[in-house]
């Protein structure tokens, strides 16, 4: 009499398929599972949740990622890739825009739309558990800084890196704050932030004689002694 399938030592097709997966493919599959868990349950995920969702044991997770930090780092890198895949095309479209105001608003709107669409992934990449520091992933800031550095009428052109990253940092900081507080409304936020950047760009363009070379030496300034009572 044949042994019932549920008690048989013959492995199911899915189990055999998993055993034949190349290590890189298995690792990528586990990372995608982590992304799904984060999107569903938020940034505070556990190895037990990940193992259950992937249908594997915790020791197998540790085999591929050594520890939880390794898995979270891989998931953070993948989350950044997914957000960049949405952000870059939107920013690329701005290069056909010649009006400064539309360029600035388009960049702000594109960034805000991405972090709202992938809110849990954004929060996850911002968490100390992934990066060890509370900061938006560098590739996202770099993409935003690149397009803001090409704003029509910005002088000098191209601007020094500190200028590009200062503009990108303004967008990132304000949008991050807004994501937590949701005030004012989205349309009002876009209008206010776009105007702030427009005024900043206008001010920078007027200061064409100022040396913004990050390697330039700073001139010491003597401060007055504090008044004692």
C-alpha atoms as a PDB file:
ATOM      1  CA  UNK A   1       0.000   0.000   0.000  1.00  0.00           C
ATOM      2  CA  UNK A   2       1.307   3.411  -0.955  1.00  0.00           C
ATOM      3  CA  UNK A   3       2.255   5.756   1.829  1.00  0.00           C
ATOM      4  CA  UNK A   4      -0.159   8.731   2.046  1.00  0.00           C
ATOM      5  CA  UNK A   5       1.343  11.842   0.492  1.00  0.00           C
ATOM      6  CA  UNK A   6       1.207  13.850   3.693  1.00  0.00           C
ATOM      7  CA  UNK A   7       3.316  11.231   5.467  1.00  0.00           C
ATOM      8  CA  UNK A   8       5.609  10.458   2.568  1.00  0.00           C
ATOM      9  CA  UNK A   9       9.287  11.285   2.559  1.00  0.00           C
ATOM     10  CA  UNK A  10       8.920  12.419  -1.065  1.00  0.00           C
ATOM     11  CA  UNK A  11       9.236  16.182  -1.138  1.00  0.00           C
ATOM     12  CA  UNK A  12       6.590  18.358  -2.718  1.00  0.00           C
ATOM     13  CA  UNK A  13       7.463  19.987  -6.072  1.00  0.00           C
ATOM     14  CA  UNK A  14       7.748  23.440  -4.470  1.00  0.00           C
ATOM     15  CA  UNK A  15      10.215  22.067  -1.913  1.00  0.00           C
ATOM     16  CA  UNK A  16      12.283  20.402  -4.623  1.00  0.00           C
ATOM     17  CA  UNK A  17      12.213  23.633  -6.618  1.00  0.00           C
ATOM     18  CA  UNK A  18      13.446  25.597  -3.627  1.00  0.00           C
ATOM     19  CA  UNK A  19      16.307  23.166  -3.126  1.00  0.00           C
ATOM     20  CA  UNK A  20      17.393  23.636  -6.752  1.00  0.00           C
ATOM     21  CA  UNK A  21      17.389  27.447  -6.572  1.00  0.00           C
ATOM     22  CA  UNK A  22      20.756  29.108  -6.921  1.00  0.00           C
ATOM     23  CA  UNK A  23      21.904  30.891  -3.743  1.00  0.00           C
ATOM     24  CA  UNK A  24      21.625  34.323  -5.378  1.00  0.00           C
ATOM     25  CA  UNK A  25      18.081  33.588  -6.559  1.00  0.00           C
ATOM     26  CA  UNK A  26      17.030  32.297  -3.143  1.00  0.00           C
ATOM     27  CA  UNK A  27      18.522  35.355  -1.474  1.00  0.00           C
ATOM     28  CA  UNK A  28      16.683  37.674  -3.868  1.00  0.00           C
ATOM     29  CA  UNK A  29      13.432  35.806  -3.204  1.00  0.00           C
ATOM     30  CA  UNK A  30      13.845  36.274   0.543  1.00  0.00           C
ATOM     31  CA  UNK A  31      14.521  39.988   0.073  1.00  0.00           C
ATOM     32  CA  UNK A  32      11.341  40.371  -2.001  1.00  0.00           C
ATOM     33  CA  UNK A  33       9.429  38.601   0.761  1.00  0.00           C
ATOM     34  CA  UNK A  34      10.859  41.070   3.271  1.00  0.00           C
ATOM     35  CA  UNK A  35       9.673  43.946   1.066  1.00  0.00           C
ATOM     36  CA  UNK A  36       6.135  42.511   1.014  1.00  0.00           C
ATOM     37  CA  UNK A  37       6.118  42.100   4.795  1.00  0.00           C
ATOM     38  CA  UNK A  38       7.359  45.662   5.316  1.00  0.00           C
ATOM     39  CA  UNK A  39       4.736  47.037   2.925  1.00  0.00           C
ATOM     40  CA  UNK A  40       1.993  45.154   4.778  1.00  0.00           C
ATOM     41  CA  UNK A  41       3.074  45.346   8.412  1.00  0.00           C
ATOM     42  CA  UNK A  42       5.401  48.337   8.591  1.00  0.00           C
ATOM     43  CA  UNK A  43       9.060  48.845   9.363  1.00  0.00           C
ATOM     44  CA  UNK A  44       9.129  47.009  12.703  1.00  0.00           C
ATOM     45  CA  UNK A  45       9.435  43.494  11.315  1.00  0.00           C
ATOM     46  CA  UNK A  46      10.852  40.434  13.050  1.00  0.00           C
ATOM     47  CA  UNK A  47      12.773  37.439  11.762  1.00  0.00           C
ATOM     48  CA  UNK A  48       9.861  35.230  12.844  1.00  0.00           C
ATOM     49  CA  UNK A  49       7.506  37.217  10.597  1.00  0.00           C
ATOM     50  CA  UNK A  50       9.906  37.009   7.680  1.00  0.00           C
ATOM     51  CA  UNK A  51      10.498  33.283   8.099  1.00  0.00           C
ATOM     52  CA  UNK A  52       6.758  32.591   8.304  1.00  0.00           C
ATOM     53  CA  UNK A  53       6.005  34.731   5.242  1.00  0.00           C
ATOM     54  CA  UNK A  54       8.775  33.061   3.231  1.00  0.00           C
ATOM     55  CA  UNK A  55       7.828  29.570   4.394  1.00  0.00           C
ATOM     56  CA  UNK A  56      11.356  28.848   5.613  1.00  0.00           C
ATOM     57  CA  UNK A  57      13.072  28.360   8.934  1.00  0.00           C
ATOM     58  CA  UNK A  58      14.895  31.112  10.798  1.00  0.00           C
ATOM     59  CA  UNK A  59      18.208  29.228  10.502  1.00  0.00           C
ATOM     60  CA  UNK A  60      17.833  29.413   6.718  1.00  0.00           C
ATOM     61  CA  UNK A  61      17.411  33.187   6.917  1.00  0.00           C
ATOM     62  CA  UNK A  62      20.573  33.420   8.986  1.00  0.00           C
ATOM     63  CA  UNK A  63      22.347  31.167   6.483  1.00  0.00           C
ATOM     64  CA  UNK A  64      21.754  33.672   3.693  1.00  0.00           C
ATOM     65  CA  UNK A  65      22.060  36.914   5.655  1.00  0.00           C
ATOM     66  CA  UNK A  66      24.185  36.020   8.693  1.00  0.00           C
ATOM     67  CA  UNK A  67      22.075  38.196  11.002  1.00  0.00           C
ATOM     68  CA  UNK A  68      18.991  40.394  11.039  1.00  0.00           C
ATOM     69  CA  UNK A  69      21.034  43.499  10.256  1.00  0.00           C
ATOM     70  CA  UNK A  70      22.258  41.872   7.043  1.00  0.00           C
ATOM     71  CA  UNK A  71      18.729  41.065   5.910  1.00  0.00           C
ATOM     72  CA  UNK A  72      17.453  44.537   6.788  1.00  0.00           C
ATOM     73  CA  UNK A  73      20.334  46.124   4.892  1.00  0.00           C
ATOM     74  CA  UNK A  74      19.551  44.057   1.788  1.00  0.00           C
ATOM     75  CA  UNK A  75      15.851  44.915   2.088  1.00  0.00           C
ATOM     76  CA  UNK A  76      16.711  48.599   2.515  1.00  0.00           C
ATOM     77  CA  UNK A  77      18.799  48.570  -0.658  1.00  0.00           C
ATOM     78  CA  UNK A  78      15.959  46.894  -2.559  1.00  0.00           C
ATOM     79  CA  UNK A  79      13.420  49.379  -1.188  1.00  0.00           C
ATOM     80  CA  UNK A  80      15.637  52.226  -2.382  1.00  0.00           C
ATOM     81  CA  UNK A  81      15.806  50.656  -5.851  1.00  0.00           C
ATOM     82  CA  UNK A  82      12.008  50.449  -6.010  1.00  0.00           C
ATOM     83  CA  UNK A  83      11.559  54.094  -5.026  1.00  0.00           C
ATOM     84  CA  UNK A  84      14.235  55.231  -7.475  1.00  0.00           C
ATOM     85  CA  UNK A  85      12.493  53.302 -10.251  1.00  0.00           C
ATOM     86  CA  UNK A  86       9.460  55.539  -9.687  1.00  0.00           C
ATOM     87  CA  UNK A  87      11.334  58.777  -9.002  1.00  0.00           C
ATOM     88  CA  UNK A  88      13.860  58.878 -11.842  1.00  0.00           C
ATOM     89  CA  UNK A  89      11.368  58.825 -14.769  1.00  0.00           C
ATOM     90  CA  UNK A  90       9.325  61.616 -13.165  1.00  0.00           C
ATOM     91  CA  UNK A  91      12.430  63.739 -12.633  1.00  0.00           C
ATOM     92  CA  UNK A  92      13.702  63.005 -16.146  1.00  0.00           C
ATOM     93  CA  UNK A  93      10.532  64.517 -17.626  1.00  0.00           C
ATOM     94  CA  UNK A  94      11.439  67.872 -16.072  1.00  0.00           C
ATOM     95  CA  UNK A  95      14.416  68.238 -18.395  1.00  0.00           C
ATOM     96  CA  UNK A  96      11.997  69.279 -21.129  1.00  0.00           C
ATOM     97  CA  UNK A  97      10.581  72.105 -18.987  1.00  0.00           C
ATOM     98  CA  UNK A  98      11.984  75.605 -19.485  1.00  0.00           C
ATOM     99  CA  UNK A  99       9.936  77.483 -16.871  1.00  0.00           C
ATOM    100  CA  UNK A 100      11.706  77.606 -13.508  1.00  0.00           C
ATOM    101  CA  UNK A 101       8.535  77.535 -11.392  1.00  0.00           C
ATOM    102  CA  UNK A 102       7.180  74.445 -13.171  1.00  0.00           C
ATOM    103  CA  UNK A 103      10.552  72.696 -12.867  1.00  0.00           C
ATOM    104  CA  UNK A 104      10.745  73.286  -9.121  1.00  0.00           C
ATOM    105  CA  UNK A 105       7.146  72.318  -8.427  1.00  0.00           C
ATOM    106  CA  UNK A 106       7.522  69.219 -10.603  1.00  0.00           C
ATOM    107  CA  UNK A 107      10.580  68.047  -8.654  1.00  0.00           C
ATOM    108  CA  UNK A 108       8.881  68.592  -5.296  1.00  0.00           C
ATOM    109  CA  UNK A 109       5.691  66.892  -6.455  1.00  0.00           C
ATOM    110  CA  UNK A 110       7.575  63.889  -7.865  1.00  0.00           C
ATOM    111  CA  UNK A 111       9.507  63.336  -4.640  1.00  0.00           C
ATOM    112  CA  UNK A 112       6.447  63.705  -2.418  1.00  0.00           C
ATOM    113  CA  UNK A 113       4.396  61.356  -4.611  1.00  0.00           C
ATOM    114  CA  UNK A 114       7.020  58.615  -4.343  1.00  0.00           C
ATOM    115  CA  UNK A 115       7.414  58.721  -0.565  1.00  0.00           C
ATOM    116  CA  UNK A 116       3.629  58.752  -0.172  1.00  0.00           C
ATOM    117  CA  UNK A 117       3.154  55.832  -2.565  1.00  0.00           C
ATOM    118  CA  UNK A 118       5.883  53.817  -0.828  1.00  0.00           C
ATOM    119  CA  UNK A 119       5.323  55.219   2.629  1.00  0.00           C
ATOM    120  CA  UNK A 120       6.295  52.115   4.603  1.00  0.00           C
ATOM    121  CA  UNK A 121       9.344  51.467   2.455  1.00  0.00           C
ATOM    122  CA  UNK A 122      10.386  55.091   2.910  1.00  0.00           C
ATOM    123  CA  UNK A 123       9.945  54.868   6.680  1.00  0.00           C
ATOM    124  CA  UNK A 124      11.856  51.606   6.673  1.00  0.00           C
ATOM    125  CA  UNK A 125      14.827  53.045   4.797  1.00  0.00           C
ATOM    126  CA  UNK A 126      14.834  56.019   7.156  1.00  0.00           C
ATOM    127  CA  UNK A 127      14.971  53.828  10.250  1.00  0.00           C
ATOM    128  CA  UNK A 128      18.163  53.383  12.223  1.00  0.00           C
ATOM    129  CA  UNK A 129      17.658  49.623  12.027  1.00  0.00           C
ATOM    130  CA  UNK A 130      18.606  49.730   8.339  1.00  0.00           C
ATOM    131  CA  UNK A 131      21.169  52.471   7.950  1.00  0.00           C
ATOM    132  CA  UNK A 132      22.411  53.037  11.472  1.00  0.00           C
ATOM    133  CA  UNK A 133      21.580  56.703  10.984  1.00  0.00           C
ATOM    134  CA  UNK A 134      18.379  58.638  10.419  1.00  0.00           C
ATOM    135  CA  UNK A 135      18.763  59.836   6.858  1.00  0.00           C
ATOM    136  CA  UNK A 136      17.132  59.312   3.498  1.00  0.00           C
ATOM    137  CA  UNK A 137      19.141  56.904   1.311  1.00  0.00           C
ATOM    138  CA  UNK A 138      21.939  58.675  -0.573  1.00  0.00           C
ATOM    139  CA  UNK A 139      20.875  57.524  -4.092  1.00  0.00           C
ATOM    140  CA  UNK A 140      17.470  59.177  -3.676  1.00  0.00           C
ATOM    141  CA  UNK A 141      18.938  62.446  -2.423  1.00  0.00           C
ATOM    142  CA  UNK A 142      21.536  62.293  -5.212  1.00  0.00           C
ATOM    143  CA  UNK A 143      18.839  61.906  -7.890  1.00  0.00           C
ATOM    144  CA  UNK A 144      16.905  64.836  -6.441  1.00  0.00           C
ATOM    145  CA  UNK A 145      20.059  66.954  -6.106  1.00  0.00           C
ATOM    146  CA  UNK A 146      21.000  66.273  -9.730  1.00  0.00           C
ATOM    147  CA  UNK A 147      17.717  67.521 -11.143  1.00  0.00           C
ATOM    148  CA  UNK A 148      17.519  70.516  -8.785  1.00  0.00           C
ATOM    149  CA  UNK A 149      21.018  71.469  -9.891  1.00  0.00           C
ATOM    150  CA  UNK A 150      19.640  71.910 -13.416  1.00  0.00           C
ATOM    151  CA  UNK A 151      16.875  74.371 -12.510  1.00  0.00           C
ATOM    152  CA  UNK A 152      16.572  76.927 -15.335  1.00  0.00           C
ATOM    153  CA  UNK A 153      18.187  80.235 -14.437  1.00  0.00           C
ATOM    154  CA  UNK A 154      20.262  78.884 -11.548  1.00  0.00           C
ATOM    155  CA  UNK A 155      23.709  80.491 -11.390  1.00  0.00           C
ATOM    156  CA  UNK A 156      26.398  79.423 -11.395  1.00  0.00           C
ATOM    157  CA  UNK A 157      25.488  76.558 -13.698  1.00  0.00           C
ATOM    158  CA  UNK A 158      26.149  73.851 -12.828  1.00  0.00           C
ATOM    159  CA  UNK A 159      26.106  74.851  -9.163  1.00  0.00           C
ATOM    160  CA  UNK A 160      28.583  73.463  -6.617  1.00  0.00           C
ATOM    161  CA  UNK A 161      27.586  70.233  -4.880  1.00  0.00           C
ATOM    162  CA  UNK A 162      26.756  71.974  -1.570  1.00  0.00           C
ATOM    163  CA  UNK A 163      24.144  74.075  -3.378  1.00  0.00           C
ATOM    164  CA  UNK A 164      22.521  71.096  -5.096  1.00  0.00           C
ATOM    165  CA  UNK A 165      22.401  69.071  -1.902  1.00  0.00           C
ATOM    166  CA  UNK A 166      21.148  72.029   0.125  1.00  0.00           C
ATOM    167  CA  UNK A 167      18.158  72.336  -2.218  1.00  0.00           C
ATOM    168  CA  UNK A 168      17.544  68.578  -2.113  1.00  0.00           C
ATOM    169  CA  UNK A 169      17.864  68.578   1.667  1.00  0.00           C
ATOM    170  CA  UNK A 170      15.244  71.305   1.922  1.00  0.00           C
ATOM    171  CA  UNK A 171      12.780  69.201  -0.075  1.00  0.00           C
ATOM    172  CA  UNK A 172      13.572  66.035   1.881  1.00  0.00           C
ATOM    173  CA  UNK A 173      13.346  67.636   5.328  1.00  0.00           C
ATOM    174  CA  UNK A 174      10.069  69.454   4.690  1.00  0.00           C
ATOM    175  CA  UNK A 175       8.401  66.455   3.011  1.00  0.00           C
ATOM    176  CA  UNK A 176       9.534  64.147   5.811  1.00  0.00           C
ATOM    177  CA  UNK A 177       8.051  66.496   8.407  1.00  0.00           C
ATOM    178  CA  UNK A 178       4.827  66.766   6.424  1.00  0.00           C
ATOM    179  CA  UNK A 179       4.511  62.998   6.115  1.00  0.00           C
ATOM    180  CA  UNK A 180       4.384  62.809   9.907  1.00  0.00           C
ATOM    181  CA  UNK A 181       2.047  65.768  10.520  1.00  0.00           C
ATOM    182  CA  UNK A 182      -0.028  66.156   7.307  1.00  0.00           C
ATOM    183  CA  UNK A 183      -0.526  69.869   7.702  1.00  0.00           C
ATOM    184  CA  UNK A 184      -1.088  72.068   5.797  1.00  0.00           C
ATOM    185  CA  UNK A 185      -2.884  70.283   2.952  1.00  0.00           C
ATOM    186  CA  UNK A 186      -0.828  68.678   0.202  1.00  0.00           C
ATOM    187  CA  UNK A 187      -1.576  71.372  -2.395  1.00  0.00           C
ATOM    188  CA  UNK A 188      -0.665  74.135   0.046  1.00  0.00           C
ATOM    189  CA  UNK A 189       2.529  72.336   1.021  1.00  0.00           C
ATOM    190  CA  UNK A 190       3.592  72.037  -2.622  1.00  0.00           C
ATOM    191  CA  UNK A 191       2.918  75.729  -3.204  1.00  0.00           C
ATOM    192  CA  UNK A 192       4.767  76.867  -0.064  1.00  0.00           C
ATOM    193  CA  UNK A 193       7.792  74.627  -0.541  1.00  0.00           C
ATOM    194  CA  UNK A 194       8.069  75.490  -4.232  1.00  0.00           C
ATOM    195  CA  UNK A 195       8.029  79.208  -3.414  1.00  0.00           C
ATOM    196  CA  UNK A 196      10.728  78.747  -0.766  1.00  0.00           C
ATOM    197  CA  UNK A 197      12.968  77.027  -3.289  1.00  0.00           C
ATOM    198  CA  UNK A 198      12.239  79.682  -5.927  1.00  0.00           C
ATOM    199  CA  UNK A 199      13.317  82.440  -3.524  1.00  0.00           C
ATOM    200  CA  UNK A 200      16.391  80.440  -2.547  1.00  0.00           C
ATOM    201  CA  UNK A 201      17.382  79.942  -6.183  1.00  0.00           C
ATOM    202  CA  UNK A 202      16.832  83.626  -6.917  1.00  0.00           C
ATOM    203  CA  UNK A 203      19.028  84.566  -3.969  1.00  0.00           C
ATOM    204  CA  UNK A 204      21.768  82.153  -4.996  1.00  0.00           C
ATOM    205  CA  UNK A 205      21.709  83.438  -8.558  1.00  0.00           C
ATOM    206  CA  UNK A 206      22.215  86.980  -7.272  1.00  0.00           C
ATOM    207  CA  UNK A 207      25.304  85.921  -5.329  1.00  0.00           C
ATOM    208  CA  UNK A 208      27.396  84.953  -8.338  1.00  0.00           C
ATOM    209  CA  UNK A 209      30.477  86.597  -6.830  1.00  0.00           C
ATOM    210  CA  UNK A 210      30.396  84.481  -3.682  1.00  0.00           C
ATOM    211  CA  UNK A 211      32.938  81.660  -3.598  1.00  0.00           C
ATOM    212  CA  UNK A 212      31.049  78.486  -2.739  1.00  0.00           C
ATOM    213  CA  UNK A 213      34.021  76.196  -3.243  1.00  0.00           C
ATOM    214  CA  UNK A 214      33.800  73.617  -0.407  1.00  0.00           C
ATOM    215  CA  UNK A 215      37.609  73.349  -0.439  1.00  0.00           C
ATOM    216  CA  UNK A 216      38.106  77.084   0.069  1.00  0.00           C
ATOM    217  CA  UNK A 217      39.456  78.194   3.433  1.00  0.00           C
ATOM    218  CA  UNK A 218      37.055  80.005   5.717  1.00  0.00           C
ATOM    219  CA  UNK A 219      37.926  83.465   7.003  1.00  0.00           C
ATOM    220  CA  UNK A 220      37.796  83.591  10.812  1.00  0.00           C
ATOM    221  CA  UNK A 221      35.326  86.064  12.238  1.00  0.00           C
ATOM    222  CA  UNK A 222      35.882  87.598  15.649  1.00  0.00           C
ATOM    223  CA  UNK A 223      32.773  87.635  17.776  1.00  0.00           C
ATOM    224  CA  UNK A 224      32.218  90.363  20.372  1.00  0.00           C
ATOM    225  CA  UNK A 225      32.831  89.379  23.954  1.00  0.00           C
ATOM    226  CA  UNK A 226      29.639  88.630  25.872  1.00  0.00           C
ATOM    227  CA  UNK A 227      28.460  91.451  28.077  1.00  0.00           C
ATOM    228  CA  UNK A 228      28.769  90.707  31.750  1.00  0.00           C
ATOM    229  CA  UNK A 229      26.338  92.130  34.219  1.00  0.00           C
END
